[in-house]
Amino acid sequence: MATVIDVGNPIEVREAVLRVVNEQLGPDVAQAFMGQYAGTGDFTAEKYDRPPRDFEEITARVKEAGERLRARRGLT
């Protein structure tokens, strides 16, 4: 069932976007994403504080996100 949001309500839109980013890409990315738009934090400095990720890890996370999406849509 799709979630209905009031696109005229910026708080509701921001919460919905944050929920999707967090579910699909994880809390680290969600925090960095919101930091860019909330005007808090220094993303450029913070990205160097995170442990480095190699290509295999990134590829695995993208595949996992795709599998979760397919499962939610009943395509598995």
PDB file of N, CA and C in Angstrom:
ATOM      1  N   MET A   1       0.847  -1.174   0.000  1.00  0.00           N
ATOM      2  CA  MET A   1       0.000   0.000   0.000  1.00  0.00           C
ATOM      3  C   MET A   1       0.891   1.235   0.000  1.00  0.00           C
ATOM      4  N   ALA A   2       0.640   2.149  -0.894  1.00  0.00           N
ATOM      5  CA  ALA A   2       1.436   3.368  -1.002  1.00  0.00           C
ATOM      6  C   ALA A   2       1.069   4.337   0.123  1.00  0.00           C
ATOM      7  N   THR A   3       2.084   5.048   0.580  1.00  0.00           N
ATOM      8  CA  THR A   3       1.866   6.056   1.599  1.00  0.00           C
ATOM      9  C   THR A   3       1.437   7.350   0.927  1.00  0.00           C
ATOM     10  N   VAL A   4       0.409   7.975   1.438  1.00  0.00           N
ATOM     11  CA  VAL A   4      -0.067   9.241   0.891  1.00  0.00           C
ATOM     12  C   VAL A   4       0.500  10.359   1.749  1.00  0.00           C
ATOM     13  N   ILE A   5       1.154  11.322   1.092  1.00  0.00           N
ATOM     14  CA  ILE A   5       1.679  12.470   1.822  1.00  0.00           C
ATOM     15  C   ILE A   5       1.130  13.743   1.221  1.00  0.00           C
ATOM     16  N   ASP A   6       1.050  14.758   2.032  1.00  0.00           N
ATOM     17  CA  ASP A   6       0.604  16.075   1.591  1.00  0.00           C
ATOM     18  C   ASP A   6       1.818  16.816   1.051  1.00  0.00           C
ATOM     19  N   VAL A   7       1.936  16.913  -0.271  1.00  0.00           N
ATOM     20  CA  VAL A   7       3.110  17.552  -0.870  1.00  0.00           C
ATOM     21  C   VAL A   7       3.162  19.055  -0.593  1.00  0.00           C
ATOM     22  N   GLY A   8       2.094  19.594  -0.087  1.00  0.00           N
ATOM     23  CA  GLY A   8       2.087  21.004   0.299  1.00  0.00           C
ATOM     24  C   GLY A   8       2.636  21.231   1.699  1.00  0.00           C
ATOM     25  N   ASN A   9       2.926  20.159   2.402  1.00  0.00           N
ATOM     26  CA  ASN A   9       3.452  20.241   3.762  1.00  0.00           C
ATOM     27  C   ASN A   9       4.933  19.853   3.742  1.00  0.00           C
ATOM     28  N   PRO A  10       5.849  20.824   3.795  1.00  0.00           N
ATOM     29  CA  PRO A  10       7.278  20.514   3.664  1.00  0.00           C
ATOM     30  C   PRO A  10       7.816  19.587   4.757  1.00  0.00           C
ATOM     31  N   ILE A  11       7.256  19.647   5.932  1.00  0.00           N
ATOM     32  CA  ILE A  11       7.711  18.758   7.008  1.00  0.00           C
ATOM     33  C   ILE A  11       7.345  17.311   6.678  1.00  0.00           C
ATOM     34  N   GLU A  12       6.136  17.112   6.207  1.00  0.00           N
ATOM     35  CA  GLU A  12       5.690  15.772   5.850  1.00  0.00           C
ATOM     36  C   GLU A  12       6.509  15.210   4.682  1.00  0.00           C
ATOM     37  N   VAL A  13       6.794  16.050   3.706  1.00  0.00           N
ATOM     38  CA  VAL A  13       7.604  15.627   2.559  1.00  0.00           C
ATOM     39  C   VAL A  13       9.010  15.252   3.024  1.00  0.00           C
ATOM     40  N   ARG A  14       9.622  16.095   3.845  1.00  0.00           N
ATOM     41  CA  ARG A  14      10.978  15.826   4.326  1.00  0.00           C
ATOM     42  C   ARG A  14      11.021  14.518   5.118  1.00  0.00           C
ATOM     43  N   GLU A  15      10.040  14.281   5.970  1.00  0.00           N
ATOM     44  CA  GLU A  15      10.002  13.043   6.752  1.00  0.00           C
ATOM     45  C   GLU A  15       9.859  11.817   5.850  1.00  0.00           C
ATOM     46  N   ALA A  16       9.034  11.924   4.804  1.00  0.00           N
ATOM     47  CA  ALA A  16       8.845  10.803   3.883  1.00  0.00           C
ATOM     48  C   ALA A  16      10.130  10.516   3.109  1.00  0.00           C
ATOM     49  N   VAL A  17      10.788  11.566   2.652  1.00  0.00           N
ATOM     50  CA  VAL A  17      12.042  11.395   1.908  1.00  0.00           C
ATOM     51  C   VAL A  17      13.105  10.783   2.809  1.00  0.00           C
ATOM     52  N   LEU A  18      13.226  11.278   4.024  1.00  0.00           N
ATOM     53  CA  LEU A  18      14.211  10.745   4.955  1.00  0.00           C
ATOM     54  C   LEU A  18      13.946   9.267   5.244  1.00  0.00           C
ATOM     55  N   ARG A  19      12.686   8.897   5.396  1.00  0.00           N
ATOM     56  CA  ARG A  19      12.333   7.504   5.663  1.00  0.00           C
ATOM     57  C   ARG A  19      12.786   6.607   4.501  1.00  0.00           C
ATOM     58  N   VAL A  20      12.552   7.047   3.271  1.00  0.00           N
ATOM     59  CA  VAL A  20      12.930   6.249   2.097  1.00  0.00           C
ATOM     60  C   VAL A  20      14.448   6.155   1.975  1.00  0.00           C
ATOM     61  N   VAL A  21      15.142   7.283   2.129  1.00  0.00           N
ATOM     62  CA  VAL A  21      16.608   7.270   2.033  1.00  0.00           C
ATOM     63  C   VAL A  21      17.185   6.362   3.112  1.00  0.00           C
ATOM     64  N   ASN A  22      16.677   6.453   4.317  1.00  0.00           N
ATOM     65  CA  ASN A  22      17.164   5.619   5.413  1.00  0.00           C
ATOM     66  C   ASN A  22      16.931   4.132   5.124  1.00  0.00           C
ATOM     67  N   GLU A  23      15.742   3.787   4.632  1.00  0.00           N
ATOM     68  CA  GLU A  23      15.428   2.383   4.348  1.00  0.00           C
ATOM     69  C   GLU A  23      16.268   1.832   3.209  1.00  0.00           C
ATOM     70  N   GLN A  24      16.460   2.633   2.168  1.00  0.00           N
ATOM     71  CA  GLN A  24      17.123   2.131   0.967  1.00  0.00           C
ATOM     72  C   GLN A  24      18.649   2.236   1.005  1.00  0.00           C
ATOM     73  N   LEU A  25      19.176   3.270   1.650  1.00  0.00           N
ATOM     74  CA  LEU A  25      20.615   3.511   1.593  1.00  0.00           C
ATOM     75  C   LEU A  25      21.310   3.462   2.942  1.00  0.00           C
ATOM     76  N   GLY A  26      20.550   3.396   4.014  1.00  0.00           N
ATOM     77  CA  GLY A  26      21.135   3.270   5.329  1.00  0.00           C
ATOM     78  C   GLY A  26      21.212   4.588   6.085  1.00  0.00           C
ATOM     79  N   PRO A  27      21.426   4.478   7.407  1.00  0.00           N
ATOM     80  CA  PRO A  27      21.412   5.667   8.257  1.00  0.00           C
ATOM     81  C   PRO A  27      22.562   6.640   8.000  1.00  0.00           C
ATOM     82  N   ASP A  28      23.740   6.136   7.591  1.00  0.00           N
ATOM     83  CA  ASP A  28      24.858   7.043   7.317  1.00  0.00           C
ATOM     84  C   ASP A  28      24.534   7.994   6.172  1.00  0.00           C
ATOM     85  N   VAL A  29      23.987   7.433   5.101  1.00  0.00           N
ATOM     86  CA  VAL A  29      23.645   8.251   3.936  1.00  0.00           C
ATOM     87  C   VAL A  29      22.486   9.179   4.271  1.00  0.00           C
ATOM     88  N   ALA A  30      21.504   8.683   5.024  1.00  0.00           N
ATOM     89  CA  ALA A  30      20.358   9.516   5.403  1.00  0.00           C
ATOM     90  C   ALA A  30      20.822  10.716   6.228  1.00  0.00           C
ATOM     91  N   GLN A  31      21.751  10.483   7.148  1.00  0.00           N
ATOM     92  CA  GLN A  31      22.258  11.578   7.977  1.00  0.00           C
ATOM     93  C   GLN A  31      23.000  12.600   7.126  1.00  0.00           C
ATOM     94  N   ALA A  32      23.846  12.126   6.224  1.00  0.00           N
ATOM     95  CA  ALA A  32      24.580  13.047   5.355  1.00  0.00           C
ATOM     96  C   ALA A  32      23.625  13.818   4.447  1.00  0.00           C
ATOM     97  N   PHE A  33      22.616  13.125   3.933  1.00  0.00           N
ATOM     98  CA  PHE A  33      21.621  13.750   3.060  1.00  0.00           C
ATOM     99  C   PHE A  33      20.895  14.876   3.788  1.00  0.00           C
ATOM    100  N   MET A  34      20.405  14.592   4.986  1.00  0.00           N
ATOM    101  CA  MET A  34      19.674  15.612   5.727  1.00  0.00           C
ATOM    102  C   MET A  34      20.588  16.742   6.173  1.00  0.00           C
ATOM    103  N   GLY A  35      21.841  16.444   6.468  1.00  0.00           N
ATOM    104  CA  GLY A  35      22.782  17.491   6.843  1.00  0.00           C
ATOM    105  C   GLY A  35      22.964  18.516   5.738  1.00  0.00           C
ATOM    106  N   GLN A  36      22.889  18.074   4.492  1.00  0.00           N
ATOM    107  CA  GLN A  36      23.024  18.994   3.361  1.00  0.00           C
ATOM    108  C   GLN A  36      21.847  19.961   3.294  1.00  0.00           C
ATOM    109  N   TYR A  37      20.654  19.471   3.593  1.00  0.00           N
ATOM    110  CA  TYR A  37      19.463  20.297   3.443  1.00  0.00           C
ATOM    111  C   TYR A  37      19.038  21.005   4.716  1.00  0.00           C
ATOM    112  N   ALA A  38      19.453  20.484   5.848  1.00  0.00           N
ATOM    113  CA  ALA A  38      19.081  21.108   7.110  1.00  0.00           C
ATOM    114  C   ALA A  38      20.057  22.221   7.487  1.00  0.00           C
ATOM    115  N   GLY A  39      21.174  22.297   6.765  1.00  0.00           N
ATOM    116  CA  GLY A  39      22.151  23.338   7.052  1.00  0.00           C
ATOM    117  C   GLY A  39      22.975  23.041   8.294  1.00  0.00           C
ATOM    118  N   THR A  40      23.005  21.771   8.712  1.00  0.00           N
ATOM    119  CA  THR A  40      23.807  21.402   9.867  1.00  0.00           C
ATOM    120  C   THR A  40      24.915  20.473   9.422  1.00  0.00           C
ATOM    121  N   GLY A  41      26.020  20.495  10.132  1.00  0.00           N
ATOM    122  CA  GLY A  41      27.128  19.606   9.828  1.00  0.00           C
ATOM    123  C   GLY A  41      27.946  20.078   8.638  1.00  0.00           C
ATOM    124  N   ASP A  42      29.077  19.482   8.494  1.00  0.00           N
ATOM    125  CA  ASP A  42      29.982  19.781   7.383  1.00  0.00           C
ATOM    126  C   ASP A  42      30.213  18.480   6.641  1.00  0.00           C
ATOM    127  N   PHE A  43      29.422  18.247   5.594  1.00  0.00           N
ATOM    128  CA  PHE A  43      29.487  16.985   4.876  1.00  0.00           C
ATOM    129  C   PHE A  43      30.885  16.725   4.327  1.00  0.00           C
ATOM    130  N   THR A  44      31.543  17.767   3.829  1.00  0.00           N
ATOM    131  CA  THR A  44      32.877  17.589   3.252  1.00  0.00           C
ATOM    132  C   THR A  44      33.852  17.060   4.301  1.00  0.00           C
ATOM    133  N   ALA A  45      33.822  17.613   5.497  1.00  0.00           N
ATOM    134  CA  ALA A  45      34.710  17.138   6.554  1.00  0.00           C
ATOM    135  C   ALA A  45      34.271  15.775   7.071  1.00  0.00           C
ATOM    136  N   GLU A  46      32.953  15.580   7.213  1.00  0.00           N
ATOM    137  CA  GLU A  46      32.444  14.333   7.771  1.00  0.00           C
ATOM    138  C   GLU A  46      32.700  13.137   6.872  1.00  0.00           C
ATOM    139  N   LYS A  47      32.734  13.349   5.561  1.00  0.00           N
ATOM    140  CA  LYS A  47      32.938  12.201   4.671  1.00  0.00           C
ATOM    141  C   LYS A  47      34.316  11.580   4.876  1.00  0.00           C
ATOM    142  N   TYR A  48      35.268  12.361   5.367  1.00  0.00           N
ATOM    143  CA  TYR A  48      36.598  11.822   5.627  1.00  0.00           C
ATOM    144  C   TYR A  48      36.677  11.129   6.987  1.00  0.00           C
ATOM    145  N   ASP A  49      35.683  11.345   7.849  1.00  0.00           N
ATOM    146  CA  ASP A  49      35.634  10.686   9.148  1.00  0.00           C
ATOM    147  C   ASP A  49      35.069   9.271   9.051  1.00  0.00           C
ATOM    148  N   ARG A  50      34.367   8.988   7.961  1.00  0.00           N
ATOM    149  CA  ARG A  50      33.775   7.657   7.783  1.00  0.00           C
ATOM    150  C   ARG A  50      34.832   6.675   7.288  1.00  0.00           C
ATOM    151  N   PRO A  51      34.693   5.419   7.653  1.00  0.00           N
ATOM    152  CA  PRO A  51      35.652   4.436   7.143  1.00  0.00           C
ATOM    153  C   PRO A  51      35.524   4.307   5.629  1.00  0.00           C
ATOM    154  N   PRO A  52      36.631   4.067   4.954  1.00  0.00           N
ATOM    155  CA  PRO A  52      36.557   3.936   3.492  1.00  0.00           C
ATOM    156  C   PRO A  52      35.757   2.700   3.093  1.00  0.00           C
ATOM    157  N   ARG A  53      35.080   2.802   1.994  1.00  0.00           N
ATOM    158  CA  ARG A  53      34.307   1.673   1.478  1.00  0.00           C
ATOM    159  C   ARG A  53      34.907   1.272   0.139  1.00  0.00           C
ATOM    160  N   ASP A  54      35.054  -0.015  -0.045  1.00  0.00           N
ATOM    161  CA  ASP A  54      35.595  -0.472  -1.311  1.00  0.00           C
ATOM    162  C   ASP A  54      34.457  -0.758  -2.293  1.00  0.00           C
ATOM    163  N   PHE A  55      34.835  -1.000  -3.531  1.00  0.00           N
ATOM    164  CA  PHE A  55      33.860  -1.202  -4.593  1.00  0.00           C
ATOM    165  C   PHE A  55      32.942  -2.374  -4.295  1.00  0.00           C
ATOM    166  N   GLU A  56      33.483  -3.454  -3.754  1.00  0.00           N
ATOM    167  CA  GLU A  56      32.676  -4.641  -3.467  1.00  0.00           C
ATOM    168  C   GLU A  56      31.604  -4.338  -2.427  1.00  0.00           C
ATOM    169  N   GLU A  57      31.950  -3.564  -1.398  1.00  0.00           N
ATOM    170  CA  GLU A  57      30.976  -3.224  -0.360  1.00  0.00           C
ATOM    171  C   GLU A  57      29.854  -2.360  -0.933  1.00  0.00           C
ATOM    172  N   ILE A  58      30.220  -1.380  -1.734  1.00  0.00           N
ATOM    173  CA  ILE A  58      29.220  -0.497  -2.340  1.00  0.00           C
ATOM    174  C   ILE A  58      28.304  -1.305  -3.258  1.00  0.00           C
ATOM    175  N   THR A  59      28.900  -2.170  -4.081  1.00  0.00           N
ATOM    176  CA  THR A  59      28.109  -3.005  -4.989  1.00  0.00           C
ATOM    177  C   THR A  59      27.154  -3.902  -4.212  1.00  0.00           C
ATOM    178  N   ALA A  60      27.633  -4.489  -3.124  1.00  0.00           N
ATOM    179  CA  ALA A  60      26.778  -5.355  -2.300  1.00  0.00           C
ATOM    180  C   ALA A  60      25.610  -4.570  -1.708  1.00  0.00           C
ATOM    181  N   ARG A  61      25.857  -3.347  -1.243  1.00  0.00           N
ATOM    182  CA  ARG A  61      24.775  -2.537  -0.657  1.00  0.00           C
ATOM    183  C   ARG A  61      23.731  -2.166  -1.707  1.00  0.00           C
ATOM    184  N   VAL A  62      24.184  -1.864  -2.918  1.00  0.00           N
ATOM    185  CA  VAL A  62      23.241  -1.533  -3.996  1.00  0.00           C
ATOM    186  C   VAL A  62      22.398  -2.761  -4.337  1.00  0.00           C
ATOM    187  N   LYS A  63      23.038  -3.934  -4.424  1.00  0.00           N
ATOM    188  CA  LYS A  63      22.290  -5.164  -4.716  1.00  0.00           C
ATOM    189  C   LYS A  63      21.278  -5.465  -3.618  1.00  0.00           C
ATOM    190  N   GLU A  64      21.682  -5.310  -2.354  1.00  0.00           N
ATOM    191  CA  GLU A  64      20.766  -5.551  -1.236  1.00  0.00           C
ATOM    192  C   GLU A  64      19.572  -4.607  -1.298  1.00  0.00           C
ATOM    193  N   ALA A  65      19.820  -3.343  -1.620  1.00  0.00           N
ATOM    194  CA  ALA A  65      18.718  -2.378  -1.720  1.00  0.00           C
ATOM    195  C   ALA A  65      17.767  -2.782  -2.838  1.00  0.00           C
ATOM    196  N   GLY A  66      18.310  -3.252  -3.957  1.00  0.00           N
ATOM    197  CA  GLY A  66      17.480  -3.705  -5.066  1.00  0.00           C
ATOM    198  C   GLY A  66      16.652  -4.915  -4.697  1.00  0.00           C
ATOM    199  N   GLU A  67      17.265  -5.848  -3.954  1.00  0.00           N
ATOM    200  CA  GLU A  67      16.540  -7.040  -3.514  1.00  0.00           C
ATOM    201  C   GLU A  67      15.404  -6.676  -2.563  1.00  0.00           C
ATOM    202  N   ARG A  68      15.659  -5.736  -1.635  1.00  0.00           N
ATOM    203  CA  ARG A  68      14.603  -5.300  -0.719  1.00  0.00           C
ATOM    204  C   ARG A  68      13.453  -4.663  -1.491  1.00  0.00           C
ATOM    205  N   LEU A  69      13.791  -3.847  -2.476  1.00  0.00           N
ATOM    206  CA  LEU A  69      12.759  -3.181  -3.273  1.00  0.00           C
ATOM    207  C   LEU A  69      11.942  -4.203  -4.052  1.00  0.00           C
ATOM    208  N   ARG A  70      12.613  -5.170  -4.684  1.00  0.00           N
ATOM    209  CA  ARG A  70      11.894  -6.204  -5.423  1.00  0.00           C
ATOM    210  C   ARG A  70      11.005  -7.027  -4.491  1.00  0.00           C
ATOM    211  N   ALA A  71      11.504  -7.321  -3.297  1.00  0.00           N
ATOM    212  CA  ALA A  71      10.708  -8.095  -2.324  1.00  0.00           C
ATOM    213  C   ALA A  71       9.473  -7.319  -1.903  1.00  0.00           C
ATOM    214  N   ARG A  72       9.626  -6.025  -1.661  1.00  0.00           N
ATOM    215  CA  ARG A  72       8.467  -5.214  -1.253  1.00  0.00           C
ATOM    216  C   ARG A  72       7.439  -5.132  -2.368  1.00  0.00           C
ATOM    217  N   ARG A  73       7.903  -5.172  -3.590  1.00  0.00           N
ATOM    218  CA  ARG A  73       6.978  -5.096  -4.724  1.00  0.00           C
ATOM    219  C   ARG A  73       6.469  -6.472  -5.152  1.00  0.00           C
ATOM    220  N   GLY A  74       6.924  -7.514  -4.454  1.00  0.00           N
ATOM    221  CA  GLY A  74       6.479  -8.866  -4.762  1.00  0.00           C
ATOM    222  C   GLY A  74       7.080  -9.423  -6.039  1.00  0.00           C
ATOM    223  N   LEU A  75       8.285  -8.996  -6.392  1.00  0.00           N
ATOM    224  CA  LEU A  75       8.914  -9.427  -7.639  1.00  0.00           C
ATOM    225  C   LEU A  75       9.974 -10.492  -7.425  1.00  0.00           C
ATOM    226  N   THR A  76      10.065 -11.043  -6.214  1.00  0.00           N
ATOM    227  CA  THR A  76      11.084 -12.078  -5.982  1.00  0.00           C
ATOM    228  C   THR A  76      10.559 -13.447  -6.194  1.00  0.00           C
TER     229      THR A  76
END
